[in-house]
Every structure is written in C-alpha cells, then in structure tokens.
Protein backbone atom coordinates (compact mmCIF):
# COMPACT_ATOMS: atom_id res chain seq x y z
CA MET A 1 -26.58 24.24 5.98
CA ASN A 2 -30.30 25.72 4.90
CA ALA A 3 -33.12 23.24 3.58
CA GLN A 4 -32.51 24.05 0.32
CA LEU A 5 -28.88 22.59 -0.28
CA PHE A 6 -29.90 19.98 2.31
CA ALA A 7 -32.80 18.53 0.03
CA GLN A 8 -29.99 18.79 -3.26
CA ILE A 9 -27.56 16.22 -1.37
CA ALA A 10 -30.54 14.05 0.12
CA ASN A 11 -32.13 13.38 -3.14
CA ALA A 12 -28.79 12.71 -4.95
CA VAL A 13 -27.88 10.64 -2.18
CA GLN A 14 -31.30 8.57 -2.11
CA SER A 15 -30.53 7.47 -5.71
CA SER A 16 -27.22 6.34 -5.22
CA SER A 17 -27.11 5.16 -1.73
CA VAL A 18 -24.07 2.25 -2.59
CA HIS A 19 -21.69 5.11 -2.63
CA GLY A 20 -20.03 7.41 0.00
CA TRP A 21 -20.78 10.31 0.17
CA LEU A 22 -19.42 13.47 2.48
CA VAL A 23 -19.73 17.38 2.25
CA ILE A 24 -17.52 19.83 3.88
CA ASP A 25 -17.91 23.41 3.63
CA ARG A 26 -14.73 25.83 3.54
CA ASP A 27 -13.72 25.34 6.87
CA TYR A 28 -13.03 21.75 6.74
CA LYS A 29 -15.78 21.06 8.86
CA ILE A 30 -18.20 17.86 8.23
CA VAL A 31 -21.98 18.92 7.06
CA PHE A 32 -23.17 16.10 5.91
CA VAL A 33 -22.54 11.95 5.46
CA ASN A 34 -24.41 9.14 4.57
CA ASP A 35 -24.28 5.19 5.89
CA ALA A 36 -22.13 3.99 3.04
CA PHE A 37 -19.42 6.06 3.70
CA CYS A 38 -19.75 5.31 7.32
CA ARG A 39 -19.65 1.61 6.78
CA LEU A 40 -16.69 2.21 4.17
CA TRP A 41 -14.44 3.68 6.47
CA HIS A 42 -15.50 2.08 10.15
CA ILE A 43 -16.39 5.26 11.61
CA ASP A 44 -20.04 6.13 13.16
CA ARG A 45 -21.45 9.36 12.29
CA GLU A 46 -20.92 11.09 15.66
CA ASN A 47 -17.79 10.61 14.93
CA LEU A 48 -17.77 12.65 11.74
CA LEU A 49 -20.44 15.26 11.72
CA ASP A 50 -19.38 18.59 12.83
CA LYS A 51 -15.72 17.18 12.95
CA SER A 52 -12.71 18.99 10.63
CA LEU A 53 -11.60 16.46 8.09
CA LEU A 54 -8.16 17.20 8.27
CA ASP A 55 -8.64 15.88 11.91
CA ILE A 56 -10.14 12.89 10.94
CA PHE A 57 -8.25 11.55 8.19
CA TYR A 58 -4.90 13.97 7.96
CA ASN A 59 -4.31 14.38 11.94
CA GLY A 60 -4.97 18.22 11.63
CA ASN A 61 -2.33 18.79 9.03
CA LYS A 62 -3.35 19.73 5.29
CA LYS A 63 -1.28 18.51 3.11
CA ASP A 64 0.93 20.02 -0.04
CA LYS A 65 -1.30 19.77 -3.09
CA ASN A 66 1.20 17.60 -4.55
CA ASP A 67 0.94 14.64 -2.13
CA SER A 68 -0.73 11.82 -3.96
CA TYR A 69 -2.20 10.89 -0.55
CA HIS A 70 -3.70 14.51 -0.28
CA GLY A 71 -7.61 14.44 -0.44
CA PRO A 72 -9.39 15.22 -3.85
CA LEU A 73 -12.01 17.00 -1.71
CA ILE A 74 -10.30 19.31 0.56
CA GLU A 75 -8.69 20.28 -3.37
CA THR A 76 -11.91 21.13 -4.53
CA ILE A 77 -12.92 23.35 -1.42
CA ASP A 78 -9.62 24.88 -1.99
CA THR A 79 -9.03 25.80 -5.50
CA GLY A 80 -12.47 25.29 -7.37
CA ARG A 81 -10.75 22.24 -9.17
CA GLU A 82 -13.47 19.06 -9.26
CA PHE A 83 -12.50 15.64 -10.29
CA PRO A 84 -14.82 14.05 -12.37
CA LEU A 85 -13.01 10.15 -11.01
CA MET A 86 -9.95 9.70 -9.91
CA GLU A 87 -8.16 6.99 -7.66
CA ALA A 88 -6.86 8.07 -4.52
CA CYS A 89 -6.06 6.53 -1.25
CA LEU A 90 -7.08 7.10 2.25
CA SER A 91 -5.90 6.75 5.73
CA ASN A 92 -8.30 6.48 8.67
CA HIS A 93 -6.04 7.67 11.90
CA TYR A 94 -8.87 5.94 14.18
CA ASP A 95 -8.17 2.52 13.24
CA ASN A 96 -4.78 3.21 11.03
CA SER A 97 -6.63 1.50 8.07
CA TYR A 98 -6.16 2.67 4.82
CA ILE A 99 -8.13 2.16 1.26
CA TRP A 100 -7.78 2.58 -2.44
CA TYR A 101 -11.33 4.45 -3.78
CA LEU A 102 -12.22 6.10 -6.98
CA ALA A 103 -13.33 9.78 -6.04
CA SER A 104 -15.87 12.12 -7.94
CA THR A 105 -15.94 15.56 -5.95
CA PHE A 106 -17.76 18.71 -6.96
CA LEU A 107 -18.74 22.01 -5.78
CA LEU A 108 -22.39 22.55 -4.36
CA ARG A 109 -23.47 25.97 -5.63
CA GLU A 110 -26.41 28.23 -4.53
CA PRO A 111 -27.33 31.17 -6.93
CA GLU A 112 -25.44 34.01 -7.17
CA THR A 113 -23.35 33.25 -4.40
CA GLU A 114 -19.90 31.63 -3.83
CA PRO A 115 -19.64 28.00 -3.62
CA ARG A 116 -19.22 26.79 0.25
CA TYR A 117 -19.51 23.01 0.32
CA ALA A 118 -17.53 20.54 -1.11
CA VAL A 119 -19.29 17.37 -2.13
CA GLY A 120 -17.06 13.74 -2.64
CA VAL A 121 -18.67 10.59 -3.94
CA TYR A 122 -16.44 7.50 -2.93
CA VAL A 123 -16.55 3.86 -4.15
CA PRO A 124 -13.85 1.61 -2.90
CA ILE A 125 -11.68 -0.68 -5.31
CA ASP A 126 -9.87 -3.97 -5.09
CA LYS A 127 -6.14 -2.59 -5.76
CA PHE A 128 -4.99 -5.77 -6.42
CA LYS A 129 -7.66 -7.17 -8.61
CA MET A 130 -7.52 -4.51 -10.80
CA ILE A 131 -4.03 -4.74 -11.28
CA GLU A 132 -4.33 -8.31 -12.06
CA ALA A 133 -6.60 -7.64 -14.65
CA ARG A 134 -3.58 -6.27 -16.68
CA LEU A 135 -1.90 -9.08 -16.57
CA ASP A 136 -2.02 -12.73 -18.56
CA GLY A 137 -4.70 -14.61 -17.51
CA ILE A 138 -2.43 -18.04 -17.36
CA ASN A 139 0.50 -16.25 -15.66
CA ILE A 140 -1.96 -15.06 -12.77
CA SER A 141 -3.06 -18.52 -12.13
CA ILE A 142 0.79 -19.84 -12.10
CA ILE A 143 0.94 -16.35 -9.46
CA LYS A 144 -1.55 -17.50 -8.09
CA ALA A 145 -0.60 -21.41 -7.39
CA PHE A 146 2.53 -21.12 -6.04
CA CYS A 147 1.00 -18.58 -3.74
CA LYS A 148 -1.02 -21.31 -2.51
CA ALA A 149 1.74 -23.66 -2.26
CA ILE A 150 3.92 -21.57 0.02
CA GLY A 151 0.83 -20.84 2.16
CA ILE A 152 0.45 -24.77 2.67
CA ARG A 153 3.82 -25.29 3.43
CA ASP A 154 4.35 -21.99 5.36
CA THR A 155 1.46 -19.41 6.40
CA TYR A 156 4.13 -16.99 7.52
CA THR A 157 5.09 -16.15 4.05
CA LYS A 158 2.35 -16.45 2.03
CA GLN A 159 0.84 -13.47 4.55
CA HIS A 160 4.31 -11.73 4.40
CA SER A 161 4.09 -11.91 0.49
CA GLU A 162 1.06 -9.96 0.29
CA HIS A 163 1.99 -7.24 2.84
CA VAL A 164 5.21 -7.06 0.88
CA ALA A 165 3.01 -7.14 -2.42
CA ALA A 166 0.88 -4.40 -0.39
CA LEU A 167 3.79 -2.11 0.50
CA MET A 168 5.60 -2.34 -2.70
CA VAL A 169 2.67 -0.94 -4.37
CA GLU A 170 1.89 2.06 -2.20
CA LEU A 171 5.67 2.69 -2.55
CA ALA A 172 5.86 2.57 -6.46
CA GLU A 173 2.97 5.03 -6.20
CA PHE A 174 4.39 7.08 -4.00
CA MET A 175 7.50 7.37 -6.26
CA GLU A 176 5.29 8.16 -9.64
CA MET A 177 5.89 5.34 -11.11
CA PRO A 178 3.64 4.65 -14.52
CA ARG A 179 1.35 1.89 -14.17
CA GLU A 180 3.20 -0.80 -15.52
CA GLY A 181 5.88 0.12 -13.18
CA VAL A 182 3.35 -0.89 -10.16
CA THR A 183 2.08 -3.91 -11.49
CA ILE A 184 6.44 -5.19 -11.75
CA ALA A 185 5.89 -4.08 -7.83
CA TYR A 186 3.32 -5.75 -7.03
CA LEU A 187 4.49 -9.09 -9.18
CA ALA A 188 7.53 -8.64 -7.53
CA GLY A 189 6.18 -8.55 -4.07
CA ILE A 190 3.97 -11.07 -4.11
CA VAL A 191 6.26 -13.96 -5.38
CA HIS A 192 9.38 -12.57 -4.16
CA ASP A 193 9.89 -15.70 -1.40
CA VAL A 194 8.86 -18.47 -3.99
CA GLY A 195 11.92 -19.73 -4.04
CA LYS A 196 11.26 -21.05 -0.53
CA LEU A 197 9.60 -23.97 -2.13
CA GLY A 198 12.72 -25.51 -2.51
CA VAL A 199 13.89 -24.99 1.51
CA PRO A 200 13.18 -27.84 3.29
CA GLU A 201 10.22 -27.59 5.58
CA ARG A 202 12.33 -27.88 9.20
CA ILE A 203 14.06 -25.12 8.17
CA LEU A 204 11.69 -23.01 6.69
CA ASN A 205 9.23 -23.60 10.06
CA LYS A 206 11.67 -23.58 12.60
CA PRO A 207 10.75 -22.29 16.16
CA GLY A 208 13.94 -20.32 16.40
CA LEU A 209 17.04 -19.06 15.09
CA LEU A 210 19.20 -20.32 12.63
CA ASN A 211 22.40 -22.37 12.52
CA ASP A 212 24.80 -21.63 9.96
CA ASN A 213 23.89 -24.13 7.50
CA GLU A 214 20.45 -23.69 7.62
CA TYR A 215 21.09 -19.73 6.97
CA GLU A 216 22.80 -21.15 3.57
CA SER A 217 19.98 -22.84 2.83
CA ILE A 218 17.39 -19.55 3.35
CA LYS A 219 19.74 -17.70 1.43
CA ARG A 220 19.25 -20.00 -1.30
CA HIS A 221 16.06 -19.05 -2.00
CA ALA A 222 16.69 -16.20 -4.20
CA ILE A 223 18.57 -17.85 -7.06
CA THR A 224 15.61 -20.60 -6.73
CA GLY A 225 12.85 -18.21 -7.36
CA ALA A 226 14.48 -16.71 -10.12
CA ASP A 227 15.03 -20.00 -11.66
CA ILE A 228 11.48 -20.77 -11.02
CA LEU A 229 10.25 -17.59 -12.89
CA ALA A 230 12.59 -17.63 -15.46
CA ASP A 231 10.28 -20.59 -17.03
CA ILE A 232 7.24 -18.61 -17.13
CA ASN A 233 6.65 -16.70 -20.46
CA GLY A 234 7.48 -13.12 -19.91
CA PHE A 235 8.75 -13.08 -16.25
CA ASP A 236 12.12 -12.37 -17.11
CA THR A 237 12.44 -9.20 -15.50
CA ILE A 238 10.59 -10.15 -12.45
CA ALA A 239 13.00 -13.07 -12.68
CA SER A 240 15.73 -10.21 -12.26
CA ILE A 241 14.23 -8.58 -9.69
CA VAL A 242 13.79 -11.98 -7.20
CA ARG A 243 17.15 -13.19 -7.70
CA HIS A 244 18.27 -9.59 -6.44
CA HIS A 245 16.06 -8.61 -3.70
CA HIS A 246 18.78 -9.70 -0.65
CA GLU A 247 21.74 -7.90 -2.43
CA ARG A 248 22.83 -4.81 -0.29
CA PHE A 249 23.60 -1.38 -1.64
CA ASP A 250 26.97 -1.23 -0.50
CA GLY A 251 28.00 -4.70 -2.20
CA ARG A 252 27.82 -6.79 0.78
CA GLY A 253 24.51 -8.71 -0.16
CA TYR A 254 23.89 -11.97 -1.89
CA PRO A 255 24.12 -13.96 -4.17
CA VAL A 256 26.10 -12.07 -6.12
CA GLY A 257 27.53 -8.75 -4.22
CA LEU A 258 25.48 -5.74 -6.86
CA ALA A 259 26.05 -2.12 -5.12
CA GLY A 260 23.99 0.89 -5.74
CA ASP A 261 22.63 1.30 -9.31
CA ALA A 262 23.81 -1.76 -10.58
CA ILE A 263 20.96 -3.66 -8.58
CA PRO A 264 17.33 -3.40 -10.28
CA ILE A 265 15.26 -0.62 -9.00
CA TYR A 266 13.02 -3.13 -7.83
CA SER A 267 15.27 -5.27 -6.06
CA ARG A 268 16.31 -2.12 -4.26
CA MET A 269 12.72 -1.83 -3.21
CA LEU A 270 12.06 -5.11 -2.12
CA ALA A 271 14.72 -4.80 0.07
CA VAL A 272 13.10 -2.17 1.85
CA CYS A 273 9.47 -3.31 2.10
CA ASP A 274 10.76 -6.84 2.71
CA ALA A 275 12.80 -5.94 5.87
CA TYR A 276 10.16 -3.59 6.75
CA ASP A 277 7.56 -6.10 7.13
CA ALA A 278 9.94 -8.63 8.19
CA MET A 279 11.01 -6.14 11.63
CA THR A 280 6.75 -5.68 12.17
CA THR A 281 5.97 -9.22 12.23
CA ALA A 282 5.99 -10.99 15.16
CA ARG A 283 7.85 -14.19 15.15
CA CYS A 284 7.74 -16.93 17.47
CA TYR A 285 11.44 -15.93 18.81
CA ARG A 286 10.54 -12.56 18.94
CA GLU A 287 7.95 -9.72 19.56
CA PRO A 288 7.52 -7.78 16.58
CA TYR A 289 9.25 -3.94 16.09
CA PRO A 290 7.43 -1.03 16.86
CA VAL A 291 6.77 1.23 13.56
CA ARG A 292 9.05 3.86 14.54
CA GLN A 293 11.09 1.73 15.30
CA ALA A 294 11.52 -0.52 12.20
CA LEU A 295 11.51 2.94 10.15
CA ASP A 296 14.83 4.19 12.13
CA GLU A 297 16.19 0.58 11.62
CA ILE A 298 15.80 1.47 8.05
CA GLN A 299 17.28 5.15 8.34
CA ARG A 300 20.02 3.77 10.13
CA CYS A 301 20.74 1.09 7.56
CA SER A 302 20.01 3.51 4.61
CA GLY A 303 23.45 3.79 2.36
CA THR A 304 24.79 0.49 3.55
CA GLN A 305 22.13 -2.58 3.47
CA PHE A 306 19.69 0.07 1.71
CA ASP A 307 19.40 2.50 -1.52
CA PRO A 308 19.21 5.37 0.30
CA GLU A 309 16.69 7.76 -1.90
CA ILE A 310 14.52 4.53 -1.53
CA SER A 311 15.03 4.67 2.71
CA GLU A 312 13.96 7.90 2.09
CA ALA A 313 10.87 7.66 0.12
CA PHE A 314 9.80 4.63 1.96
CA ILE A 315 9.95 6.09 5.38
CA ARG A 316 8.22 9.53 4.12
CA PHE A 317 5.41 7.71 2.51
CA MET A 318 5.02 5.77 5.60
CA GLU A 319 4.82 8.73 8.04
CA GLN A 320 2.39 10.65 5.69
CA SER A 321 0.15 7.95 4.82
CA ARG A 322 0.09 6.64 8.21
CA ILE A 323 0.23 3.11 7.32
CA LYS A 324 0.80 1.47 10.27
CA THR A 325 -0.67 -2.13 10.76
CA ASP A 326 -3.55 -4.44 9.21
CA LEU A 327 -1.93 -4.64 5.84
CA GLN A 328 -3.40 -8.16 5.85
CA ASP A 329 -7.51 -6.63 5.33
CA LEU A 330 -5.67 -4.94 2.30
CA ALA A 331 -3.67 -7.80 0.84
CA THR A 332 -6.80 -10.38 0.79
C-alpha cells in the first residue's frame, strides 16, 4: 500500500479510533487493521496482517453472495457495492465466537486507477438490547423478572433459556423472517421454560435421571408456562408457542399431540433449538454432545421429532456460521 493511501486511512482511523477498521486488497489480503478491530474480535494484529480475510473468518471459502453471513467487505471488493450501514454477523474460527455488528464499507480510490482496496468500519451492537428496545417496557420487565426467578431456583434453566433465545434469533434471521418474527423468536426462546417455576425444586435440580412420575411433572411445564404468559397483555402468541414447543412433527409429542404444520412454526423452531442446546450442554449425569454429533442427531430425527425444513435450515446455519460454543457470551 503506498504512502498516500496509508495516510488517508491513518487520518480516518485517528478520528474514529473506537471503531474497528480493516482494509483488504483484491486478493482479500488484510493490509491494514487498527487496535479497535483487534480488540473487537480478540485477535492479535500479527494473526491478521498479510493474511487472507477468507482464511480468518470464512475457513478459506468465499460464501454465496446471498448468504446472510457473507462479509459485506468481500462483496465491496468483488462488486464495487458500498454499504453505508448494515447489520451483520461474523464468526471467528480462532475461538469459535461470533458477534453482531454494524458495518460500513467503501472502496479506496486512487486517481485514474481501478479501486484496489476496500475498507470496512465495524461497530459492535448488543442484538438483544436492540430487540428489547422494540418491546413494551412493562412487558420486558416482567420477562426479566421471570428469568431472574428461574435463575434463583435453577441456574441451568436460566442459562439454557438465554442460549435458546440466541439460537432462535439466529435461526429466524437465517430463515429471513421479518423483524417482528425475529422479536417473537427471541421472546419465545427466553421464556419457553418459564413453566418450570411450577415444578418442585427437588425434581428440577435432581442430580440424575427422572423417574416416570417426575418426568410427568416436568412435562406439565409447557402448559404451566403458557398459562402464565397468557395473562400478560399482548402475549397470546408467545403463550401458544410455549404451550406447543414439545410437540413432535409426527404427532407423538405433548401436551396435545399436534402434528406437522398444525404446530406453530416458532414452536417447531423451538423444538430444534431447545434440543440442540440440551444435547451440547454438560449435565451432572452426562457429558455434552460434540457439535457434530448433536447436528447428526437433529438430522436423524428430522421428519419424526423435528420439522424437516427447519432441521435443514438449522443445520445449514450452524455449519455456515460455525457457531459452536460460548453462546453465554452472546446472551449476557
């Protein structure tokens, strides 16, 4: 990169040092990165400079342009399209983390030459706070109170609900649901186990497998949760989703035995996200499933326990975004 171009970047970065800045050339090689970007993605500068952006963030593969996880910076250098402001998600294969951010990209031009560099400016955002900002203040306070109450009784259930909410949001966006749909997905995920407030603590925290009577008590949490949520103004839809999130696609679930499309779509999404997080979380009576094993199990149960289209979407989004661990960092 010549001195004139470097000076342009340095001056811009100096005036906006709290934002992450990244510059790539036409071969996707990273030629400039500032400290804020390194802090944002927890990567040392030496692991970025002169490395391929594809290798760092996309495992060496340039994704399809319609992929919602495709980096806007790559599209800018490929097509010349600049993004004044967009919301996106990026995965980091160094630590399997991922982050939501606002991105702005533009081409760096030299007089009388084709643009040879693309610049990306990144600002991290808290996706959950953005979603909560769309909700009625009283209702979100009620939800947080429920989550706190669950956490006091059972730390696992609270963390599980946060993880499932994170997965629900990502799955809804991957399925290109509208903003309202993403909000519904978040709410359904965060409160889907609120009915466990009605389960005796000795059963909820039992260090081992449940007997038949205890399992029947646990199964009632779907109805209990729906009844609780139905009393909140405007939560009828969420209550219905929670009531049916343990239905099975083949009609052998509970509490009603709905099948196929008769099950609310968000309940079908919840069934997959709920099962995935349960499988990949360590419990006192078993080790967590590896990610690949959990995804294989979802595939195996596709069409019986799970909606096959949603199963396929979930597996594709997990494989493409490489979200594997540490959802807790995202959900808190």
